[in-house]
Amino acid sequence: MNPISMIDQATNVRPGEQLDGQAVSDWLRTNGVELVGEPEITQFSGGASNWTYRLKYAYRDLILRRPPNGTKAKSAHDMVREYRIQHALKSVYPTVPTMVAACKDHAVLGCDFYVMERLEGIIPRANLPRDVKLDATQVRKLCTNVLDELIALHKADYQSKPDLVALYKGPGFCQRQVEGWDQRYEKVITWNVPSFRKVRRWLKANCPADSTACLIHNDWRFDNVVLDPHDPTKVIGVLDWELSTVDDPLIDLGSMLAYWIQPDDNFVMRSMRRQPTHLPGMMTREEVVHYYLDKTGLSGAHWTFYEVFGVFRLAGIAQQIYYRYHHGQTDNSAFKNFWIVAHALHRRCLQLMRKAR
């Protein structure tokens, strides 16, 4: 394996998303960051949420995160919040990137943004990079390492960090989550998708009492971890903390498993796959749950609720995207069949509910 060819690379900045490197450099230097020269600026793919740039200086390799242009709701792209979470978490959960500085002065770029050290490694997306060759034993090790990182996060001592304690919203984790996503889905229903009315009623009726509270990532997927290019089974970083909060850890597990596609899933589900959970050696969803509960000692008595909620939440995310396409707010053709995704996820929710009975 050639480690260099496997490392996740940024490419040319997309039209209309240029970054004022001089303004950023001046601001960083004003804040005590030592830099030589001006940066080579490239941009990472994606951009459906926040925009991510690489700033490559002569002796410094940095990443800048900012919201997209035209963002109205600061709460949806709160860069300073994301920075503070990672900055506070670093000493109790070292797998987060090292923060450099956060900016609230809109005179610099016209928005809040933050800068962190670049983690050089592999991002495991729908398929591993071509040069990454893992046998079934190595894939299983990758799988358990990713799960162990999630477990380590859930065991991190967030209570020693005021910025993390401030994320706690009090009792009623699951109820808040269900009510929030119920309202979000109701606002984006289109004529060609299921209402999820039966699922939403079931979730409200089966909402469990609070379990333990811990820091959760809230978007835990393989494509949010960074792997060591010299040992692609080893996790060296966890990215994208935009949605993290203090909540029920099983909410995190259920949301993660909604993305976990297996080889025996139907065609529509397999077409949704965005991480390499289909590889020989990967755990099944059921095996993941057993592994997690065994390692944490948490009860799985109400597991079906968490699994159904995770699938419904994913349906809500997909439908929010499709709603924009349906109403002409985006012309990205990748979103045109997301209404089919909603039907597939609705069917999966009903199957899980029937199985629970």
Protein backbone atom coordinates (compact mmCIF):
# COMPACT_ATOMS: atom_id res chain seq x y z
CA MET A 1 0.00 0.00 0.00
CA ASN A 2 1.15 3.52 -0.84
CA PRO A 3 0.19 5.72 2.15
CA ILE A 4 0.45 8.96 0.17
CA SER A 5 -2.06 7.86 -2.48
CA MET A 6 -4.63 6.95 0.19
CA ILE A 7 -4.63 10.25 2.10
CA ASP A 8 -7.76 12.35 1.74
CA GLN A 9 -6.96 15.30 -0.50
CA ALA A 10 -8.54 18.69 -1.07
CA THR A 11 -9.02 19.92 -4.66
CA ASN A 12 -9.63 23.22 -6.42
CA VAL A 13 -11.94 25.69 -4.71
CA ARG A 14 -15.44 25.53 -6.18
CA PRO A 15 -16.66 28.57 -8.18
CA GLY A 16 -18.34 31.11 -5.94
CA GLU A 17 -16.75 29.67 -2.79
CA GLN A 18 -13.37 31.41 -2.94
CA LEU A 19 -11.61 32.19 0.33
CA ASP A 20 -9.72 35.42 1.11
CA GLY A 21 -6.43 33.86 2.20
CA GLN A 22 -4.77 37.22 2.90
CA ALA A 23 -7.55 38.24 5.29
CA VAL A 24 -7.34 34.90 7.11
CA SER A 25 -3.53 35.07 7.35
CA ASP A 26 -3.62 38.61 8.71
CA TRP A 27 -6.22 37.62 11.29
CA LEU A 28 -4.28 34.50 12.36
CA ARG A 29 -1.06 36.48 12.78
CA THR A 30 -2.91 39.11 14.81
CA ASN A 31 -3.99 36.27 17.09
CA GLY A 32 -0.44 35.06 17.66
CA VAL A 33 -0.27 32.24 15.11
CA GLU A 34 3.18 32.09 13.53
CA LEU A 35 3.02 31.69 9.73
CA VAL A 36 5.49 31.93 6.89
CA GLY A 37 4.22 33.38 3.61
CA GLU A 38 0.70 32.98 2.26
CA PRO A 39 -1.22 29.72 1.97
CA GLU A 40 -2.01 27.45 -0.94
CA ILE A 41 -5.79 27.16 -0.62
CA THR A 42 -7.75 24.08 -1.67
CA GLN A 43 -11.21 22.82 -0.73
CA PHE A 44 -12.54 19.45 0.39
CA SER A 45 -15.39 17.84 -1.51
CA GLY A 46 -18.93 17.97 -0.20
CA GLY A 47 -20.12 21.30 1.07
CA ALA A 48 -23.78 20.37 1.63
CA SER A 49 -23.29 21.59 5.19
CA ASN A 50 -20.22 23.64 6.12
CA TRP A 51 -17.39 24.51 3.73
CA THR A 52 -13.97 23.10 4.58
CA TYR A 53 -10.66 24.43 3.22
CA ARG A 54 -7.01 23.43 3.50
CA LEU A 55 -4.54 26.27 4.12
CA LYS A 56 -1.08 24.94 3.32
CA TYR A 57 1.65 27.31 4.52
CA ALA A 58 5.39 26.70 4.23
CA TYR A 59 5.64 25.18 7.72
CA ARG A 60 2.01 24.89 8.80
CA ASP A 61 -0.90 22.80 7.51
CA LEU A 62 -4.29 24.10 8.65
CA ILE A 63 -7.99 23.48 8.06
CA LEU A 64 -10.62 26.26 8.01
CA ARG A 65 -14.33 25.55 8.56
CA ARG A 66 -17.04 28.09 7.77
CA PRO A 67 -20.78 28.07 6.97
CA PRO A 68 -22.00 28.36 3.38
CA ASN A 69 -22.90 31.74 1.94
CA GLY A 70 -26.35 33.03 2.70
CA THR A 71 -26.72 31.17 5.98
CA LYS A 72 -29.57 32.76 7.93
CA ALA A 73 -29.83 30.64 11.07
CA LYS A 74 -26.57 30.85 13.01
CA SER A 75 -27.68 27.92 15.18
CA ALA A 76 -27.60 25.63 12.14
CA HIS A 77 -23.92 26.38 11.43
CA ASP A 78 -22.52 27.48 14.78
CA MET A 79 -18.80 27.51 14.13
CA VAL A 80 -17.85 28.94 17.51
CA ARG A 81 -19.86 26.25 19.31
CA GLU A 82 -18.16 23.52 17.25
CA TYR A 83 -14.75 25.04 18.02
CA ARG A 84 -15.42 25.28 21.77
CA ILE A 85 -16.62 21.69 21.98
CA GLN A 86 -13.47 20.33 20.36
CA HIS A 87 -11.19 22.68 22.29
CA ALA A 88 -12.74 21.58 25.59
CA LEU A 89 -12.83 17.91 24.62
CA LYS A 90 -9.19 17.60 23.55
CA SER A 91 -7.76 16.91 27.03
CA VAL A 92 -10.31 14.18 27.84
CA TYR A 93 -10.76 12.76 24.33
CA PRO A 94 -7.50 13.22 22.38
CA THR A 95 -8.92 11.95 19.07
CA VAL A 96 -10.35 15.36 18.19
CA PRO A 97 -8.22 17.68 16.00
CA THR A 98 -6.13 20.38 17.67
CA MET A 99 -7.90 23.74 17.57
CA VAL A 100 -6.00 26.89 16.56
CA ALA A 101 -8.43 29.82 16.76
CA ALA A 102 -12.08 30.84 16.26
CA CYS A 103 -13.26 34.10 14.70
CA LYS A 104 -16.49 35.98 15.39
CA ASP A 105 -15.40 39.14 13.58
CA HIS A 106 -17.43 39.24 10.35
CA ALA A 107 -15.10 41.90 8.96
CA VAL A 108 -12.65 39.07 8.17
CA LEU A 109 -14.76 36.70 6.03
CA GLY A 110 -18.32 37.90 6.56
CA CYS A 111 -19.13 34.99 8.89
CA ASP A 112 -17.92 33.07 11.93
CA PHE A 113 -15.24 30.46 11.21
CA TYR A 114 -12.56 28.46 12.96
CA VAL A 115 -9.14 27.07 12.14
CA MET A 116 -7.62 23.77 13.30
CA GLU A 117 -4.55 21.67 12.62
CA ARG A 118 -4.90 19.32 9.65
CA LEU A 119 -5.05 15.59 10.38
CA GLU A 120 -3.36 13.74 7.52
CA GLY A 121 -5.11 10.45 6.93
CA ILE A 122 -7.72 8.34 5.16
CA ILE A 123 -11.45 9.13 5.16
CA PRO A 124 -13.41 5.86 4.70
CA ARG A 125 -16.29 6.89 2.44
CA ALA A 126 -18.71 4.58 0.57
CA ASN A 127 -15.70 2.62 -0.63
CA LEU A 128 -12.20 2.56 0.77
CA PRO A 129 -9.49 4.12 -1.44
CA ARG A 130 -8.35 1.78 -4.19
CA ASP A 131 -4.93 1.27 -2.61
CA VAL A 132 -6.36 0.22 0.77
CA LYS A 133 -6.41 -3.58 0.76
CA LEU A 134 -7.86 -5.06 3.94
CA ASP A 135 -8.73 -8.70 4.48
CA ALA A 136 -11.73 -9.77 6.58
CA THR A 137 -9.68 -9.87 9.80
CA GLN A 138 -8.38 -6.35 9.23
CA VAL A 139 -11.87 -5.09 8.36
CA ARG A 140 -13.17 -6.51 11.64
CA LYS A 141 -10.36 -4.73 13.47
CA LEU A 142 -11.27 -1.45 11.72
CA CYS A 143 -14.89 -1.97 12.71
CA THR A 144 -14.13 -2.62 16.39
CA ASN A 145 -11.67 0.30 16.51
CA VAL A 146 -14.33 2.70 15.21
CA LEU A 147 -16.85 1.38 17.75
CA ASP A 148 -14.29 1.57 20.55
CA GLU A 149 -13.73 5.25 19.72
CA LEU A 150 -17.46 5.88 20.03
CA ILE A 151 -17.49 4.08 23.38
CA ALA A 152 -14.47 6.12 24.55
CA LEU A 153 -16.32 9.31 23.65
CA HIS A 154 -19.37 8.20 25.63
CA LYS A 155 -17.12 7.55 28.64
CA ALA A 156 -15.22 10.86 28.37
CA ASP A 157 -15.35 13.06 31.48
CA TYR A 158 -17.40 15.92 30.04
CA GLN A 159 -18.40 17.08 33.54
CA SER A 160 -14.89 18.45 34.13
CA LYS A 161 -15.33 20.91 31.24
CA PRO A 162 -17.73 23.88 31.68
CA ASP A 163 -18.16 24.32 27.90
CA LEU A 164 -19.34 20.71 27.65
CA VAL A 165 -21.52 20.80 30.77
CA ALA A 166 -23.28 23.80 29.20
CA LEU A 167 -24.56 21.49 26.43
CA TYR A 168 -26.77 19.61 28.90
CA LYS A 169 -30.43 20.58 28.51
CA GLY A 170 -31.80 18.66 31.49
CA PRO A 171 -33.94 15.52 31.71
CA GLY A 172 -36.13 14.29 28.86
CA PHE A 173 -33.49 13.45 26.22
CA CYS A 174 -35.54 11.07 24.12
CA GLN A 175 -38.75 13.05 24.37
CA ARG A 176 -36.99 16.19 23.10
CA GLN A 177 -35.42 14.29 20.23
CA VAL A 178 -38.71 12.72 19.14
CA GLU A 179 -40.66 15.97 19.37
CA GLY A 180 -37.95 17.89 17.54
CA TRP A 181 -37.74 15.50 14.60
CA ASP A 182 -41.52 15.07 14.51
CA GLN A 183 -41.86 18.82 13.97
CA ARG A 184 -39.03 18.97 11.43
CA TYR A 185 -40.51 16.16 9.35
CA GLU A 186 -44.00 17.68 9.43
CA LYS A 187 -42.61 20.89 7.90
CA VAL A 188 -41.00 19.16 4.90
CA ILE A 189 -43.60 16.55 3.86
CA THR A 190 -44.22 16.51 0.10
CA TRP A 191 -47.09 14.78 -1.71
CA ASN A 192 -44.94 11.82 -2.80
CA VAL A 193 -43.53 10.65 0.55
CA PRO A 194 -45.10 8.80 3.49
CA SER A 195 -46.34 10.87 6.42
CA PHE A 196 -44.63 8.53 8.94
CA ARG A 197 -47.71 9.24 11.10
CA LYS A 198 -47.85 5.70 12.53
CA VAL A 199 -44.09 5.74 13.21
CA ARG A 200 -44.24 9.13 14.87
CA ARG A 201 -47.12 8.03 17.12
CA TRP A 202 -45.24 4.85 18.01
CA LEU A 203 -42.09 6.76 18.94
CA LYS A 204 -44.04 9.11 21.22
CA ALA A 205 -45.82 6.17 22.88
CA ASN A 206 -42.64 4.16 23.39
CA CYS A 207 -40.25 6.91 24.48
CA PRO A 208 -38.10 5.43 27.29
CA ALA A 209 -37.11 7.13 30.51
CA ASP A 210 -33.71 8.84 30.59
CA SER A 211 -30.67 6.62 30.72
CA THR A 212 -27.22 7.98 31.46
CA ALA A 213 -26.13 11.36 30.06
CA CYS A 214 -22.88 11.68 28.17
CA LEU A 215 -21.30 13.64 25.36
CA ILE A 216 -22.55 12.31 22.03
CA HIS A 217 -21.24 13.07 18.55
CA ASN A 218 -24.73 12.85 16.97
CA ASP A 219 -23.41 12.17 13.46
CA TRP A 220 -21.09 9.21 14.01
CA ARG A 221 -20.22 7.61 10.67
CA PHE A 222 -17.12 6.12 9.07
CA ASP A 223 -16.76 9.17 6.83
CA ASN A 224 -16.39 11.34 9.92
CA VAL A 225 -13.31 9.47 11.15
CA VAL A 226 -9.70 9.76 9.96
CA LEU A 227 -7.60 6.60 9.63
CA ASP A 228 -3.85 6.21 9.94
CA PRO A 229 -2.43 5.88 6.37
CA HIS A 230 0.23 3.48 7.69
CA ASP A 231 -2.38 1.34 9.48
CA PRO A 232 -5.85 1.90 7.98
CA THR A 233 -7.50 -0.02 10.83
CA LYS A 234 -6.44 2.66 13.35
CA VAL A 235 -8.52 5.79 14.05
CA ILE A 236 -6.42 8.94 14.50
CA GLY A 237 -9.17 11.55 14.42
CA VAL A 238 -12.90 12.23 14.58
CA LEU A 239 -14.34 15.14 12.58
CA ASP A 240 -17.56 17.17 12.22
CA TRP A 241 -18.77 17.99 15.74
CA GLU A 242 -21.49 20.37 14.55
CA LEU A 243 -24.36 18.33 16.06
CA SER A 244 -22.66 17.07 19.22
CA THR A 245 -24.39 17.56 22.55
CA VAL A 246 -24.94 15.92 25.94
CA ASP A 247 -27.66 13.32 25.54
CA ASP A 248 -28.50 9.61 25.70
CA PRO A 249 -25.63 7.51 24.25
CA LEU A 250 -28.08 5.04 22.70
CA ILE A 251 -29.44 7.91 20.58
CA ASP A 252 -25.93 8.14 19.11
CA LEU A 253 -25.78 4.39 18.47
CA GLY A 254 -29.23 4.27 16.89
CA SER A 255 -28.46 7.21 14.61
CA MET A 256 -25.18 5.60 13.56
CA LEU A 257 -26.85 2.30 12.70
CA ALA A 258 -29.41 4.00 10.45
CA TYR A 259 -26.50 4.51 8.02
CA TRP A 260 -25.13 0.97 8.54
CA ILE A 261 -25.94 -0.89 5.32
CA GLN A 262 -25.42 -4.66 5.18
CA PRO A 263 -24.96 -6.93 2.13
CA ASP A 264 -28.37 -8.55 2.77
CA ASP A 265 -30.28 -5.24 2.73
CA ASN A 266 -32.61 -4.58 -0.20
CA PHE A 267 -31.54 -2.76 -3.35
CA VAL A 268 -32.81 0.67 -2.30
CA MET A 269 -31.05 0.44 1.07
CA ARG A 270 -27.83 -0.71 -0.60
CA SER A 271 -28.03 2.21 -3.03
CA MET A 272 -28.00 4.57 -0.02
CA ARG A 273 -24.71 3.22 1.33
CA ARG A 274 -22.15 5.93 2.09
CA GLN A 275 -19.67 3.98 4.22
CA PRO A 276 -17.87 0.62 3.78
CA THR A 277 -20.07 -1.43 6.14
CA HIS A 278 -20.69 -3.98 3.37
CA LEU A 279 -17.14 -5.35 3.42
CA PRO A 280 -16.45 -8.96 4.49
CA GLY A 281 -15.45 -8.81 8.16
CA MET A 282 -17.77 -5.94 9.11
CA MET A 283 -20.21 -6.55 11.94
CA THR A 284 -23.91 -6.71 11.24
CA ARG A 285 -26.16 -4.15 12.92
CA GLU A 286 -27.18 -6.77 15.47
CA GLU A 287 -23.55 -7.60 16.23
CA VAL A 288 -22.76 -3.90 16.68
CA VAL A 289 -25.53 -3.55 19.27
CA HIS A 290 -24.36 -6.62 21.21
CA TYR A 291 -20.75 -5.40 21.10
CA TYR A 292 -21.65 -1.91 22.31
CA LEU A 293 -23.96 -3.03 25.12
CA ASP A 294 -21.43 -5.61 26.31
CA LYS A 295 -18.64 -3.01 26.41
CA THR A 296 -20.69 -0.30 28.12
CA GLY A 297 -22.96 -2.35 30.39
CA LEU A 298 -25.99 -0.34 29.24
CA SER A 299 -29.40 -2.00 28.99
CA GLY A 300 -30.85 -2.89 25.60
CA ALA A 301 -34.39 -3.25 26.96
CA HIS A 302 -35.67 -0.36 24.82
CA TRP A 303 -33.33 -0.85 21.89
CA THR A 304 -36.09 -0.98 19.26
CA PHE A 305 -37.07 2.59 20.13
CA TYR A 306 -33.53 3.82 19.49
CA GLU A 307 -33.24 1.89 16.24
CA VAL A 308 -36.60 3.12 14.91
CA PHE A 309 -35.79 6.67 15.98
CA GLY A 310 -32.43 6.54 14.17
CA VAL A 311 -34.11 5.46 10.93
CA PHE A 312 -36.85 8.09 11.28
CA ARG A 313 -34.24 10.78 11.97
CA LEU A 314 -32.37 9.77 8.81
CA ALA A 315 -35.65 9.96 6.87
CA GLY A 316 -36.07 13.48 8.23
CA ILE A 317 -32.58 14.47 7.11
CA ALA A 318 -33.13 13.02 3.63
CA GLN A 319 -36.55 14.65 3.31
CA GLN A 320 -35.19 18.07 4.34
CA ILE A 321 -32.77 17.77 1.42
CA TYR A 322 -35.42 16.49 -0.98
CA TYR A 323 -37.83 19.27 0.04
CA ARG A 324 -35.30 21.83 -1.19
CA TYR A 325 -34.98 19.98 -4.51
CA HIS A 326 -38.76 19.51 -4.84
CA HIS A 327 -39.34 23.24 -4.42
CA GLY A 328 -36.54 24.31 -6.75
CA GLN A 329 -34.22 25.60 -4.03
CA THR A 330 -31.44 23.41 -5.44
CA ASP A 331 -31.00 21.79 -8.84
CA ASN A 332 -28.58 19.09 -7.66
CA SER A 333 -29.80 16.00 -9.52
CA ALA A 334 -28.30 13.75 -6.84
CA PHE A 335 -31.32 14.64 -4.69
CA LYS A 336 -34.09 13.92 -7.20
CA ASN A 337 -34.78 10.36 -5.99
CA PHE A 338 -34.60 11.06 -2.26
CA TRP A 339 -38.38 10.60 -2.08
CA ILE A 340 -37.72 6.91 -2.75
CA VAL A 341 -35.31 6.91 0.19
CA ALA A 342 -38.13 8.13 2.44
CA HIS A 343 -40.30 5.18 1.39
CA ALA A 344 -37.49 2.69 2.01
CA LEU A 345 -36.82 4.11 5.47
CA HIS A 346 -40.54 4.15 6.29
CA ARG A 347 -40.76 0.48 5.41
CA ARG A 348 -37.75 -0.28 7.61
CA CYS A 349 -39.33 1.52 10.58
CA LEU A 350 -42.53 -0.52 10.21
CA GLN A 351 -40.53 -3.75 9.97
CA LEU A 352 -38.65 -2.95 13.17
CA MET A 353 -41.88 -2.05 14.97
CA ARG A 354 -43.52 -5.32 13.88
CA LYS A 355 -40.47 -7.28 14.97
CA ALA A 356 -40.66 -5.67 18.42
CA ARG A 357 -44.22 -6.90 18.86
